[in-house]
Amino acid sequence: MLFRYKKSFEKIAMGLMSFMPKERELKKLQQTMHIYEENPNWQLYLWKKDEDFVGLLGVEVAEDRFTIHHISVNPSHRGEGIGHAMVDKIQQIMQDKEMLSTKETEAFLTKCPQKKGEL
């Protein structure tokens, strides 16, 4: 299940985001978290499986589109379809907005079944 980020999830979110290659350095990771906390157009979501948060999805929302900037799954839960489930759920949340990717998320998103928008 996808949950909207809250400050109380900060350590968990930072841990999950640190699995992304460009977010491994602490200073860069803190800057990225600051963007999600301060900018209302940048929204961070966490995926909960059983009792643990195991995935993270970060999007930038515009009027008619949204861009997936971050997608990360705990390595011990990869291959379970969590990344695909997060993308499917965010498409439901964003309804008719076009889904876009970044260089970092493009490879994964091209593997996901497309329901709305094109990459």
PDB file of N, CA and C in Angstrom:
ATOM      1  N   MET A   1       0.843  -1.177   0.000  1.00  0.00           N
ATOM      2  CA  MET A   1       0.000   0.000   0.000  1.00  0.00           C
ATOM      3  C   MET A   1       0.891   1.244   0.000  1.00  0.00           C
ATOM      4  N   LEU A   2       0.502   2.233  -0.735  1.00  0.00           N
ATOM      5  CA  LEU A   2       1.265   3.473  -0.888  1.00  0.00           C
ATOM      6  C   LEU A   2       0.811   4.503   0.145  1.00  0.00           C
ATOM      7  N   PHE A   3       1.783   5.062   0.878  1.00  0.00           N
ATOM      8  CA  PHE A   3       1.515   6.082   1.889  1.00  0.00           C
ATOM      9  C   PHE A   3       2.241   7.367   1.530  1.00  0.00           C
ATOM     10  N   ARG A   4       1.595   8.478   1.738  1.00  0.00           N
ATOM     11  CA  ARG A   4       2.216   9.781   1.519  1.00  0.00           C
ATOM     12  C   ARG A   4       3.259  10.022   2.610  1.00  0.00           C
ATOM     13  N   TYR A   5       4.393  10.570   2.234  1.00  0.00           N
ATOM     14  CA  TYR A   5       5.490  10.841   3.161  1.00  0.00           C
ATOM     15  C   TYR A   5       5.069  11.802   4.265  1.00  0.00           C
ATOM     16  N   LYS A   6       5.523  11.488   5.480  1.00  0.00           N
ATOM     17  CA  LYS A   6       5.391  12.371   6.633  1.00  0.00           C
ATOM     18  C   LYS A   6       6.779  12.489   7.257  1.00  0.00           C
ATOM     19  N   LYS A   7       7.017  13.571   7.949  1.00  0.00           N
ATOM     20  CA  LYS A   7       8.326  13.816   8.572  1.00  0.00           C
ATOM     21  C   LYS A   7       8.745  12.650   9.469  1.00  0.00           C
ATOM     22  N   SER A   8       7.801  11.989  10.100  1.00  0.00           N
ATOM     23  CA  SER A   8       8.134  10.860  10.972  1.00  0.00           C
ATOM     24  C   SER A   8       8.714   9.670  10.193  1.00  0.00           C
ATOM     25  N   PHE A   9       8.564   9.664   8.869  1.00  0.00           N
ATOM     26  CA  PHE A   9       9.110   8.604   8.026  1.00  0.00           C
ATOM     27  C   PHE A   9      10.493   8.968   7.470  1.00  0.00           C
ATOM     28  N   GLU A  10      11.061  10.091   7.904  1.00  0.00           N
ATOM     29  CA  GLU A  10      12.270  10.621   7.271  1.00  0.00           C
ATOM     30  C   GLU A  10      13.428   9.614   7.216  1.00  0.00           C
ATOM     31  N   LYS A  11      13.759   8.963   8.315  1.00  0.00           N
ATOM     32  CA  LYS A  11      14.896   8.028   8.322  1.00  0.00           C
ATOM     33  C   LYS A  11      14.651   6.848   7.393  1.00  0.00           C
ATOM     34  N   ILE A  12      13.440   6.336   7.398  1.00  0.00           N
ATOM     35  CA  ILE A  12      13.093   5.221   6.513  1.00  0.00           C
ATOM     36  C   ILE A  12      13.200   5.665   5.058  1.00  0.00           C
ATOM     37  N   ALA A  13      12.642   6.846   4.753  1.00  0.00           N
ATOM     38  CA  ALA A  13      12.684   7.363   3.383  1.00  0.00           C
ATOM     39  C   ALA A  13      14.119   7.585   2.921  1.00  0.00           C
ATOM     40  N   MET A  14      14.942   8.156   3.786  1.00  0.00           N
ATOM     41  CA  MET A  14      16.342   8.393   3.414  1.00  0.00           C
ATOM     42  C   MET A  14      17.071   7.071   3.171  1.00  0.00           C
ATOM     43  N   GLY A  15      16.782   6.085   3.977  1.00  0.00           N
ATOM     44  CA  GLY A  15      17.392   4.772   3.776  1.00  0.00           C
ATOM     45  C   GLY A  15      17.010   4.164   2.440  1.00  0.00           C
ATOM     46  N   LEU A  16      15.727   4.233   2.103  1.00  0.00           N
ATOM     47  CA  LEU A  16      15.262   3.687   0.828  1.00  0.00           C
ATOM     48  C   LEU A  16      15.810   4.488  -0.353  1.00  0.00           C
ATOM     49  N   MET A  17      15.828   5.807  -0.216  1.00  0.00           N
ATOM     50  CA  MET A  17      16.324   6.640  -1.312  1.00  0.00           C
ATOM     51  C   MET A  17      17.820   6.439  -1.541  1.00  0.00           C
ATOM     52  N   SER A  18      18.542   6.091  -0.492  1.00  0.00           N
ATOM     53  CA  SER A  18      19.989   5.913  -0.623  1.00  0.00           C
ATOM     54  C   SER A  18      20.357   4.731  -1.524  1.00  0.00           C
ATOM     55  N   PHE A  19      19.389   3.871  -1.857  1.00  0.00           N
ATOM     56  CA  PHE A  19      19.646   2.776  -2.793  1.00  0.00           C
ATOM     57  C   PHE A  19      19.759   3.274  -4.228  1.00  0.00           C
ATOM     58  N   MET A  20      19.333   4.510  -4.494  1.00  0.00           N
ATOM     59  CA  MET A  20      19.465   5.082  -5.829  1.00  0.00           C
ATOM     60  C   MET A  20      20.895   5.587  -6.000  1.00  0.00           C
ATOM     61  N   PRO A  21      21.527   5.275  -7.125  1.00  0.00           N
ATOM     62  CA  PRO A  21      22.947   5.624  -7.316  1.00  0.00           C
ATOM     63  C   PRO A  21      23.298   7.090  -7.063  1.00  0.00           C
ATOM     64  N   LYS A  22      22.475   8.026  -7.503  1.00  0.00           N
ATOM     65  CA  LYS A  22      22.811   9.446  -7.355  1.00  0.00           C
ATOM     66  C   LYS A  22      22.473   9.993  -5.976  1.00  0.00           C
ATOM     67  N   GLU A  23      21.911   9.178  -5.112  1.00  0.00           N
ATOM     68  CA  GLU A  23      21.484   9.640  -3.784  1.00  0.00           C
ATOM     69  C   GLU A  23      22.293   8.995  -2.653  1.00  0.00           C
ATOM     70  N   ARG A  24      23.412   8.390  -2.962  1.00  0.00           N
ATOM     71  CA  ARG A  24      24.180   7.677  -1.933  1.00  0.00           C
ATOM     72  C   ARG A  24      24.930   8.613  -0.996  1.00  0.00           C
ATOM     73  N   GLU A  25      25.346   9.755  -1.500  1.00  0.00           N
ATOM     74  CA  GLU A  25      26.091  10.703  -0.680  1.00  0.00           C
ATOM     75  C   GLU A  25      25.131  11.413   0.271  1.00  0.00           C
ATOM     76  N   LEU A  26      25.471  11.478   1.555  1.00  0.00           N
ATOM     77  CA  LEU A  26      24.579  12.010   2.578  1.00  0.00           C
ATOM     78  C   LEU A  26      24.131  13.441   2.283  1.00  0.00           C
ATOM     79  N   LYS A  27      25.057  14.301   1.883  1.00  0.00           N
ATOM     80  CA  LYS A  27      24.701  15.702   1.622  1.00  0.00           C
ATOM     81  C   LYS A  27      23.672  15.803   0.490  1.00  0.00           C
ATOM     82  N   LYS A  28      23.874  15.064  -0.592  1.00  0.00           N
ATOM     83  CA  LYS A  28      22.942  15.060  -1.725  1.00  0.00           C
ATOM     84  C   LYS A  28      21.589  14.502  -1.285  1.00  0.00           C
ATOM     85  N   LEU A  29      21.617  13.454  -0.493  1.00  0.00           N
ATOM     86  CA  LEU A  29      20.390  12.839   0.009  1.00  0.00           C
ATOM     87  C   LEU A  29      19.596  13.828   0.870  1.00  0.00           C
ATOM     88  N   GLN A  30      20.269  14.559   1.717  1.00  0.00           N
ATOM     89  CA  GLN A  30      19.606  15.555   2.560  1.00  0.00           C
ATOM     90  C   GLN A  30      19.004  16.683   1.719  1.00  0.00           C
ATOM     91  N   GLN A  31      19.705  17.100   0.674  1.00  0.00           N
ATOM     92  CA  GLN A  31      19.189  18.139  -0.219  1.00  0.00           C
ATOM     93  C   GLN A  31      17.916  17.655  -0.918  1.00  0.00           C
ATOM     94  N   THR A  32      17.936  16.421  -1.377  1.00  0.00           N
ATOM     95  CA  THR A  32      16.767  15.857  -2.059  1.00  0.00           C
ATOM     96  C   THR A  32      15.578  15.772  -1.104  1.00  0.00           C
ATOM     97  N   MET A  33      15.807  15.311   0.102  1.00  0.00           N
ATOM     98  CA  MET A  33      14.726  15.224   1.088  1.00  0.00           C
ATOM     99  C   MET A  33      14.155  16.610   1.377  1.00  0.00           C
ATOM    100  N   HIS A  34      15.014  17.607   1.423  1.00  0.00           N
ATOM    101  CA  HIS A  34      14.577  18.979   1.677  1.00  0.00           C
ATOM    102  C   HIS A  34      13.618  19.449   0.566  1.00  0.00           C
ATOM    103  N   ILE A  35      13.930  19.103  -0.674  1.00  0.00           N
ATOM    104  CA  ILE A  35      13.056  19.470  -1.804  1.00  0.00           C
ATOM    105  C   ILE A  35      11.663  18.870  -1.599  1.00  0.00           C
ATOM    106  N   TYR A  36      11.613  17.588  -1.247  1.00  0.00           N
ATOM    107  CA  TYR A  36      10.315  16.931  -1.049  1.00  0.00           C
ATOM    108  C   TYR A  36       9.553  17.528   0.139  1.00  0.00           C
ATOM    109  N   GLU A  37      10.265  17.952   1.159  1.00  0.00           N
ATOM    110  CA  GLU A  37       9.600  18.497   2.346  1.00  0.00           C
ATOM    111  C   GLU A  37       9.123  19.935   2.140  1.00  0.00           C
ATOM    112  N   GLU A  38       9.821  20.701   1.310  1.00  0.00           N
ATOM    113  CA  GLU A  38       9.521  22.128   1.173  1.00  0.00           C
ATOM    114  C   GLU A  38       8.677  22.495  -0.046  1.00  0.00           C
ATOM    115  N   ASN A  39       8.733  21.707  -1.108  1.00  0.00           N
ATOM    116  CA  ASN A  39       8.039  22.045  -2.348  1.00  0.00           C
ATOM    117  C   ASN A  39       6.765  21.206  -2.485  1.00  0.00           C
ATOM    118  N   PRO A  40       5.589  21.836  -2.471  1.00  0.00           N
ATOM    119  CA  PRO A  40       4.345  21.064  -2.549  1.00  0.00           C
ATOM    120  C   PRO A  40       4.157  20.321  -3.872  1.00  0.00           C
ATOM    121  N   ASN A  41       4.870  20.704  -4.922  1.00  0.00           N
ATOM    122  CA  ASN A  41       4.759  19.999  -6.202  1.00  0.00           C
ATOM    123  C   ASN A  41       5.593  18.717  -6.233  1.00  0.00           C
ATOM    124  N   TRP A  42       6.468  18.550  -5.261  1.00  0.00           N
ATOM    125  CA  TRP A  42       7.286  17.342  -5.156  1.00  0.00           C
ATOM    126  C   TRP A  42       6.679  16.484  -4.055  1.00  0.00           C
ATOM    127  N   GLN A  43       6.247  15.292  -4.419  1.00  0.00           N
ATOM    128  CA  GLN A  43       5.546  14.420  -3.475  1.00  0.00           C
ATOM    129  C   GLN A  43       6.280  13.091  -3.346  1.00  0.00           C
ATOM    130  N   LEU A  44       6.442  12.668  -2.115  1.00  0.00           N
ATOM    131  CA  LEU A  44       7.151  11.430  -1.819  1.00  0.00           C
ATOM    132  C   LEU A  44       6.162  10.435  -1.220  1.00  0.00           C
ATOM    133  N   TYR A  45       6.264   9.183  -1.663  1.00  0.00           N
ATOM    134  CA  TYR A  45       5.386   8.118  -1.190  1.00  0.00           C
ATOM    135  C   TYR A  45       6.227   6.928  -0.747  1.00  0.00           C
ATOM    136  N   LEU A  46       5.729   6.212   0.234  1.00  0.00           N
ATOM    137  CA  LEU A  46       6.385   5.000   0.716  1.00  0.00           C
ATOM    138  C   LEU A  46       5.442   3.822   0.544  1.00  0.00           C
ATOM    139  N   TRP A  47       6.001   2.668   0.189  1.00  0.00           N
ATOM    140  CA  TRP A  47       5.214   1.455  -0.006  1.00  0.00           C
ATOM    141  C   TRP A  47       5.398   0.562   1.218  1.00  0.00           C
ATOM    142  N   LYS A  48       4.276   0.156   1.800  1.00  0.00           N
ATOM    143  CA  LYS A  48       4.314  -0.688   2.988  1.00  0.00           C
ATOM    144  C   LYS A  48       3.880  -2.092   2.623  1.00  0.00           C
ATOM    145  N   LYS A  49       4.713  -3.053   3.009  1.00  0.00           N
ATOM    146  CA  LYS A  49       4.393  -4.471   2.821  1.00  0.00           C
ATOM    147  C   LYS A  49       4.410  -5.102   4.204  1.00  0.00           C
ATOM    148  N   ASP A  50       3.327  -5.722   4.571  1.00  0.00           N
ATOM    149  CA  ASP A  50       3.164  -6.254   5.923  1.00  0.00           C
ATOM    150  C   ASP A  50       3.352  -5.104   6.911  1.00  0.00           C
ATOM    151  N   GLU A  51       4.375  -5.137   7.733  1.00  0.00           N
ATOM    152  CA  GLU A  51       4.593  -4.092   8.737  1.00  0.00           C
ATOM    153  C   GLU A  51       5.733  -3.145   8.387  1.00  0.00           C
ATOM    154  N   ASP A  52       6.401  -3.357   7.257  1.00  0.00           N
ATOM    155  CA  ASP A  52       7.601  -2.585   6.924  1.00  0.00           C
ATOM    156  C   ASP A  52       7.431  -1.758   5.656  1.00  0.00           C
ATOM    157  N   PHE A  53       8.078  -0.595   5.650  1.00  0.00           N
ATOM    158  CA  PHE A  53       8.173   0.190   4.426  1.00  0.00           C
ATOM    159  C   PHE A  53       9.327  -0.387   3.608  1.00  0.00           C
ATOM    160  N   VAL A  54       9.041  -0.798   2.373  1.00  0.00           N
ATOM    161  CA  VAL A  54      10.049  -1.468   1.554  1.00  0.00           C
ATOM    162  C   VAL A  54      10.297  -0.769   0.216  1.00  0.00           C
ATOM    163  N   GLY A  55       9.524   0.281  -0.089  1.00  0.00           N
ATOM    164  CA  GLY A  55       9.684   0.975  -1.360  1.00  0.00           C
ATOM    165  C   GLY A  55       9.430   2.457  -1.213  1.00  0.00           C
ATOM    166  N   LEU A  56       9.965   3.209  -2.177  1.00  0.00           N
ATOM    167  CA  LEU A  56       9.839   4.668  -2.177  1.00  0.00           C
ATOM    168  C   LEU A  56       9.608   5.137  -3.601  1.00  0.00           C
ATOM    169  N   LEU A  57       8.745   6.126  -3.760  1.00  0.00           N
ATOM    170  CA  LEU A  57       8.449   6.705  -5.064  1.00  0.00           C
ATOM    171  C   LEU A  57       8.343   8.220  -4.891  1.00  0.00           C
ATOM    172  N   GLY A  58       9.115   8.964  -5.680  1.00  0.00           N
ATOM    173  CA  GLY A  58       9.093  10.418  -5.607  1.00  0.00           C
ATOM    174  C   GLY A  58       8.689  11.013  -6.945  1.00  0.00           C
ATOM    175  N   VAL A  59       7.703  11.912  -6.913  1.00  0.00           N
ATOM    176  CA  VAL A  59       7.187  12.512  -8.136  1.00  0.00           C
ATOM    177  C   VAL A  59       7.152  14.029  -8.032  1.00  0.00           C
ATOM    178  N   GLU A  60       7.271  14.659  -9.193  1.00  0.00           N
ATOM    179  CA  GLU A  60       7.062  16.097  -9.325  1.00  0.00           C
ATOM    180  C   GLU A  60       5.780  16.264 -10.130  1.00  0.00           C
ATOM    181  N   VAL A  61       4.820  16.965  -9.559  1.00  0.00           N
ATOM    182  CA  VAL A  61       3.497  17.070 -10.168  1.00  0.00           C
ATOM    183  C   VAL A  61       3.323  18.438 -10.818  1.00  0.00           C
ATOM    184  N   ALA A  62       2.859  18.423 -12.055  1.00  0.00           N
ATOM    185  CA  ALA A  62       2.500  19.641 -12.783  1.00  0.00           C
ATOM    186  C   ALA A  62       1.013  19.538 -13.113  1.00  0.00           C
ATOM    187  N   GLU A  63       0.501  20.544 -13.789  1.00  0.00           N
ATOM    188  CA  GLU A  63      -0.931  20.600 -14.069  1.00  0.00           C
ATOM    189  C   GLU A  63      -1.446  19.394 -14.844  1.00  0.00           C
ATOM    190  N   ASP A  64      -0.739  18.991 -15.893  1.00  0.00           N
ATOM    191  CA  ASP A  64      -1.236  17.919 -16.747  1.00  0.00           C
ATOM    192  C   ASP A  64      -0.297  16.720 -16.835  1.00  0.00           C
ATOM    193  N   ARG A  65       0.741  16.706 -15.988  1.00  0.00           N
ATOM    194  CA  ARG A  65       1.701  15.603 -16.041  1.00  0.00           C
ATOM    195  C   ARG A  65       2.378  15.445 -14.680  1.00  0.00           C
ATOM    196  N   PHE A  66       3.039  14.308 -14.528  1.00  0.00           N
ATOM    197  CA  PHE A  66       3.876  14.103 -13.346  1.00  0.00           C
ATOM    198  C   PHE A  66       5.129  13.362 -13.782  1.00  0.00           C
ATOM    199  N   THR A  67       6.222  13.681 -13.132  1.00  0.00           N
ATOM    200  CA  THR A  67       7.510  13.083 -13.465  1.00  0.00           C
ATOM    201  C   THR A  67       7.984  12.244 -12.289  1.00  0.00           C
ATOM    202  N   ILE A  68       8.316  10.992 -12.558  1.00  0.00           N
ATOM    203  CA  ILE A  68       8.854  10.130 -11.511  1.00  0.00           C
ATOM    204  C   ILE A  68      10.361  10.367 -11.441  1.00  0.00           C
ATOM    205  N   HIS A  69      10.793  10.970 -10.339  1.00  0.00           N
ATOM    206  CA  HIS A  69      12.212  11.279 -10.130  1.00  0.00           C
ATOM    207  C   HIS A  69      12.930  10.179  -9.359  1.00  0.00           C
ATOM    208  N   HIS A  70      12.232   9.546  -8.451  1.00  0.00           N
ATOM    209  CA  HIS A  70      12.853   8.529  -7.610  1.00  0.00           C
ATOM    210  C   HIS A  70      11.949   7.314  -7.502  1.00  0.00           C
ATOM    211  N   ILE A  71      12.553   6.150  -7.645  1.00  0.00           N
ATOM    212  CA  ILE A  71      11.856   4.895  -7.389  1.00  0.00           C
ATOM    213  C   ILE A  71      12.892   3.926  -6.841  1.00  0.00           C
ATOM    214  N   SER A  72      12.600   3.384  -5.685  1.00  0.00           N
ATOM    215  CA  SER A  72      13.567   2.537  -5.010  1.00  0.00           C
ATOM    216  C   SER A  72      12.841   1.465  -4.211  1.00  0.00           C
ATOM    217  N   VAL A  73      13.412   0.263  -4.216  1.00  0.00           N
ATOM    218  CA  VAL A  73      12.866  -0.850  -3.441  1.00  0.00           C
ATOM    219  C   VAL A  73      14.017  -1.455  -2.644  1.00  0.00           C
ATOM    220  N   ASN A  74      13.748  -1.774  -1.397  1.00  0.00           N
ATOM    221  CA  ASN A  74      14.735  -2.432  -0.554  1.00  0.00           C
ATOM    222  C   ASN A  74      15.266  -3.663  -1.298  1.00  0.00           C
ATOM    223  N   PRO A  75      16.586  -3.826  -1.392  1.00  0.00           N
ATOM    224  CA  PRO A  75      17.148  -4.943  -2.159  1.00  0.00           C
ATOM    225  C   PRO A  75      16.613  -6.320  -1.745  1.00  0.00           C
ATOM    226  N   SER A  76      16.272  -6.516  -0.495  1.00  0.00           N
ATOM    227  CA  SER A  76      15.767  -7.820  -0.070  1.00  0.00           C
ATOM    228  C   SER A  76      14.332  -8.075  -0.545  1.00  0.00           C
ATOM    229  N   HIS A  77      13.686  -7.060  -1.141  1.00  0.00           N
ATOM    230  CA  HIS A  77      12.320  -7.213  -1.648  1.00  0.00           C
ATOM    231  C   HIS A  77      12.230  -7.000  -3.163  1.00  0.00           C
ATOM    232  N   ARG A  78      13.366  -6.884  -3.806  1.00  0.00           N
ATOM    233  CA  ARG A  78      13.341  -6.693  -5.266  1.00  0.00           C
ATOM    234  C   ARG A  78      12.916  -7.980  -5.954  1.00  0.00           C
ATOM    235  N   GLY A  79      12.308  -7.820  -7.112  1.00  0.00           N
ATOM    236  CA  GLY A  79      11.825  -8.975  -7.863  1.00  0.00           C
ATOM    237  C   GLY A  79      10.438  -9.439  -7.436  1.00  0.00           C
ATOM    238  N   GLU A  80       9.818  -8.722  -6.500  1.00  0.00           N
ATOM    239  CA  GLU A  80       8.487  -9.088  -6.016  1.00  0.00           C
ATOM    240  C   GLU A  80       7.380  -8.276  -6.681  1.00  0.00           C
ATOM    241  N   GLY A  81       7.735  -7.386  -7.596  1.00  0.00           N
ATOM    242  CA  GLY A  81       6.730  -6.577  -8.284  1.00  0.00           C
ATOM    243  C   GLY A  81       6.349  -5.306  -7.537  1.00  0.00           C
ATOM    244  N   ILE A  82       7.087  -4.949  -6.501  1.00  0.00           N
ATOM    245  CA  ILE A  82       6.761  -3.767  -5.703  1.00  0.00           C
ATOM    246  C   ILE A  82       6.927  -2.490  -6.513  1.00  0.00           C
ATOM    247  N   GLY A  83       8.007  -2.384  -7.264  1.00  0.00           N
ATOM    248  CA  GLY A  83       8.223  -1.202  -8.103  1.00  0.00           C
ATOM    249  C   GLY A  83       7.095  -1.007  -9.095  1.00  0.00           C
ATOM    250  N   HIS A  84       6.694  -2.076  -9.743  1.00  0.00           N
ATOM    251  CA  HIS A  84       5.591  -2.008 -10.706  1.00  0.00           C
ATOM    252  C   HIS A  84       4.288  -1.636 -10.003  1.00  0.00           C
ATOM    253  N   ALA A  85       4.073  -2.184  -8.815  1.00  0.00           N
ATOM    254  CA  ALA A  85       2.851  -1.877  -8.064  1.00  0.00           C
ATOM    255  C   ALA A  85       2.814  -0.406  -7.663  1.00  0.00           C
ATOM    256  N   MET A  86       3.978   0.154  -7.289  1.00  0.00           N
ATOM    257  CA  MET A  86       4.022   1.571  -6.923  1.00  0.00           C
ATOM    258  C   MET A  86       3.696   2.445  -8.129  1.00  0.00           C
ATOM    259  N   VAL A  87       4.243   2.095  -9.289  1.00  0.00           N
ATOM    260  CA  VAL A  87       3.973   2.868 -10.506  1.00  0.00           C
ATOM    261  C   VAL A  87       2.492   2.770 -10.869  1.00  0.00           C
ATOM    262  N   ASP A  88       1.926   1.590 -10.761  1.00  0.00           N
ATOM    263  CA  ASP A  88       0.507   1.405 -11.056  1.00  0.00           C
ATOM    264  C   ASP A  88      -0.347   2.254 -10.116  1.00  0.00           C
ATOM    265  N   LYS A  89      -0.020   2.249  -8.832  1.00  0.00           N
ATOM    266  CA  LYS A  89      -0.799   3.002  -7.846  1.00  0.00           C
ATOM    267  C   LYS A  89      -0.678   4.504  -8.074  1.00  0.00           C
ATOM    268  N   ILE A  90       0.527   4.990  -8.393  1.00  0.00           N
ATOM    269  CA  ILE A  90       0.684   6.441  -8.603  1.00  0.00           C
ATOM    270  C   ILE A  90      -0.074   6.874  -9.850  1.00  0.00           C
ATOM    271  N   GLN A  91      -0.159   6.008 -10.854  1.00  0.00           N
ATOM    272  CA  GLN A  91      -0.955   6.334 -12.040  1.00  0.00           C
ATOM    273  C   GLN A  91      -2.429   6.453 -11.666  1.00  0.00           C
ATOM    274  N   GLN A  92      -2.899   5.623 -10.758  1.00  0.00           N
ATOM    275  CA  GLN A  92      -4.286   5.720 -10.291  1.00  0.00           C
ATOM    276  C   GLN A  92      -4.495   7.029  -9.528  1.00  0.00           C
ATOM    277  N   ILE A  93      -3.546   7.378  -8.678  1.00  0.00           N
ATOM    278  CA  ILE A  93      -3.642   8.608  -7.891  1.00  0.00           C
ATOM    279  C   ILE A  93      -3.640   9.835  -8.792  1.00  0.00           C
ATOM    280  N   MET A  94      -2.762   9.836  -9.794  1.00  0.00           N
ATOM    281  CA  MET A  94      -2.609  10.996 -10.679  1.00  0.00           C
ATOM    282  C   MET A  94      -3.658  11.042 -11.782  1.00  0.00           C
ATOM    283  N   GLN A  95      -4.484  10.034 -11.870  1.00  0.00           N
ATOM    284  CA  GLN A  95      -5.590   9.939 -12.806  1.00  0.00           C
ATOM    285  C   GLN A  95      -5.165  10.186 -14.250  1.00  0.00           C
ATOM    286  N   ASP A  96      -5.594  11.260 -14.874  1.00  0.00           N
ATOM    287  CA  ASP A  96      -5.370  11.456 -16.307  1.00  0.00           C
ATOM    288  C   ASP A  96      -4.111  12.235 -16.653  1.00  0.00           C
ATOM    289  N   LYS A  97      -3.224  12.416 -15.697  1.00  0.00           N
ATOM    290  CA  LYS A  97      -1.977  13.136 -15.979  1.00  0.00           C
ATOM    291  C   LYS A  97      -1.013  12.219 -16.741  1.00  0.00           C
ATOM    292  N   GLU A  98      -0.227  12.818 -17.614  1.00  0.00           N
ATOM    293  CA  GLU A  98       0.773  12.078 -18.366  1.00  0.00           C
ATOM    294  C   GLU A  98       1.957  11.753 -17.456  1.00  0.00           C
ATOM    295  N   MET A  99       2.450  10.519 -17.521  1.00  0.00           N
ATOM    296  CA  MET A  99       3.588  10.099 -16.712  1.00  0.00           C
ATOM    297  C   MET A  99       4.883  10.277 -17.500  1.00  0.00           C
ATOM    298  N   LEU A 100       5.843  10.966 -16.889  1.00  0.00           N
ATOM    299  CA  LEU A 100       7.158  11.174 -17.488  1.00  0.00           C
ATOM    300  C   LEU A 100       8.229  10.574 -16.597  1.00  0.00           C
ATOM    301  N   SER A 101       9.420  10.391 -17.163  1.00  0.00           N
ATOM    302  CA  SER A 101      10.537   9.836 -16.405  1.00  0.00           C
ATOM    303  C   SER A 101      11.731  10.779 -16.472  1.00  0.00           C
ATOM    304  N   THR A 102      12.749  10.461 -15.685  1.00  0.00           N
ATOM    305  CA  THR A 102      14.037  11.140 -15.769  1.00  0.00           C
ATOM    306  C   THR A 102      15.026  10.123 -16.341  1.00  0.00           C
ATOM    307  N   LYS A 103      16.254  10.555 -16.572  1.00  0.00           N
ATOM    308  CA  LYS A 103      17.272   9.603 -17.040  1.00  0.00           C
ATOM    309  C   LYS A 103      17.439   8.458 -16.048  1.00  0.00           C
ATOM    310  N   GLU A 104      17.333   8.784 -14.758  1.00  0.00           N
ATOM    311  CA  GLU A 104      17.532   7.777 -13.718  1.00  0.00           C
ATOM    312  C   GLU A 104      16.379   6.778 -13.628  1.00  0.00           C
ATOM    313  N   THR A 105      15.166   7.194 -13.943  1.00  0.00           N
ATOM    314  CA  THR A 105      14.012   6.304 -13.785  1.00  0.00           C
ATOM    315  C   THR A 105      13.512   5.714 -15.108  1.00  0.00           C
ATOM    316  N   GLU A 106      14.023   6.213 -16.216  1.00  0.00           N
ATOM    317  CA  GLU A 106      13.528   5.795 -17.527  1.00  0.00           C
ATOM    318  C   GLU A 106      13.663   4.293 -17.776  1.00  0.00           C
ATOM    319  N   ALA A 107      14.810   3.715 -17.482  1.00  0.00           N
ATOM    320  CA  ALA A 107      15.034   2.292 -17.768  1.00  0.00           C
ATOM    321  C   ALA A 107      14.013   1.414 -17.041  1.00  0.00           C
ATOM    322  N   PHE A 108      13.772   1.719 -15.770  1.00  0.00           N
ATOM    323  CA  PHE A 108      12.794   0.925 -15.033  1.00  0.00           C
ATOM    324  C   PHE A 108      11.385   1.157 -15.563  1.00  0.00           C
ATOM    325  N   LEU A 109      11.027   2.407 -15.789  1.00  0.00           N
ATOM    326  CA  LEU A 109       9.658   2.716 -16.197  1.00  0.00           C
ATOM    327  C   LEU A 109       9.304   2.160 -17.573  1.00  0.00           C
ATOM    328  N   THR A 110      10.285   1.992 -18.445  1.00  0.00           N
ATOM    329  CA  THR A 110       9.983   1.397 -19.754  1.00  0.00           C
ATOM    330  C   THR A 110       9.603  -0.075 -19.616  1.00  0.00           C
ATOM    331  N   LYS A 111       9.971  -0.701 -18.503  1.00  0.00           N
ATOM    332  CA  LYS A 111       9.603  -2.099 -18.256  1.00  0.00           C
ATOM    333  C   LYS A 111       8.199  -2.237 -17.664  1.00  0.00           C
ATOM    334  N   CYS A 112       7.651  -1.129 -17.169  1.00  0.00           N
ATOM    335  CA  CYS A 112       6.330  -1.169 -16.534  1.00  0.00           C
ATOM    336  C   CYS A 112       5.235  -1.113 -17.588  1.00  0.00           C
ATOM    337  N   PRO A 113       4.150  -1.844 -17.366  1.00  0.00           N
ATOM    338  CA  PRO A 113       3.009  -1.731 -18.287  1.00  0.00           C
ATOM    339  C   PRO A 113       2.468  -0.299 -18.265  1.00  0.00           C
ATOM    340  N   GLN A 114       2.325   0.274 -19.435  1.00  0.00           N
ATOM    341  CA  GLN A 114       1.843   1.654 -19.542  1.00  0.00           C
ATOM    342  C   GLN A 114       0.325   1.685 -19.573  1.00  0.00           C
ATOM    343  N   LYS A 115      -0.237   2.477 -18.699  1.00  0.00           N
ATOM    344  CA  LYS A 115      -1.692   2.649 -18.698  1.00  0.00           C
ATOM    345  C   LYS A 115      -2.060   4.042 -19.183  1.00  0.00           C
ATOM    346  N   LYS A 116      -1.266   5.029 -18.736  1.00  0.00           N
ATOM    347  CA  LYS A 116      -1.566   6.409 -19.090  1.00  0.00           C
ATOM    348  C   LYS A 116      -0.253   7.093 -19.427  1.00  0.00           C
ATOM    349  N   GLY A 117      -0.274   7.906 -20.437  1.00  0.00           N
ATOM    350  CA  GLY A 117       0.917   8.691 -20.782  1.00  0.00           C
ATOM    351  C   GLY A 117       1.958   7.844 -21.495  1.00  0.00           C
ATOM    352  N   GLU A 118       2.933   8.507 -21.974  1.00  0.00           N
ATOM    353  CA  GLU A 118       4.063   7.872 -22.640  1.00  0.00           C
ATOM    354  C   GLU A 118       5.337   8.394 -22.017  1.00  0.00           C
ATOM    355  N   LEU A 119       6.386   7.605 -22.069  1.00  0.00           N
ATOM    356  CA  LEU A 119       7.666   8.047 -21.495  1.00  0.00           C
ATOM    357  C   LEU A 119       8.491   8.765 -22.520  1.00  0.00           C
TER     358      LEU A 119
END
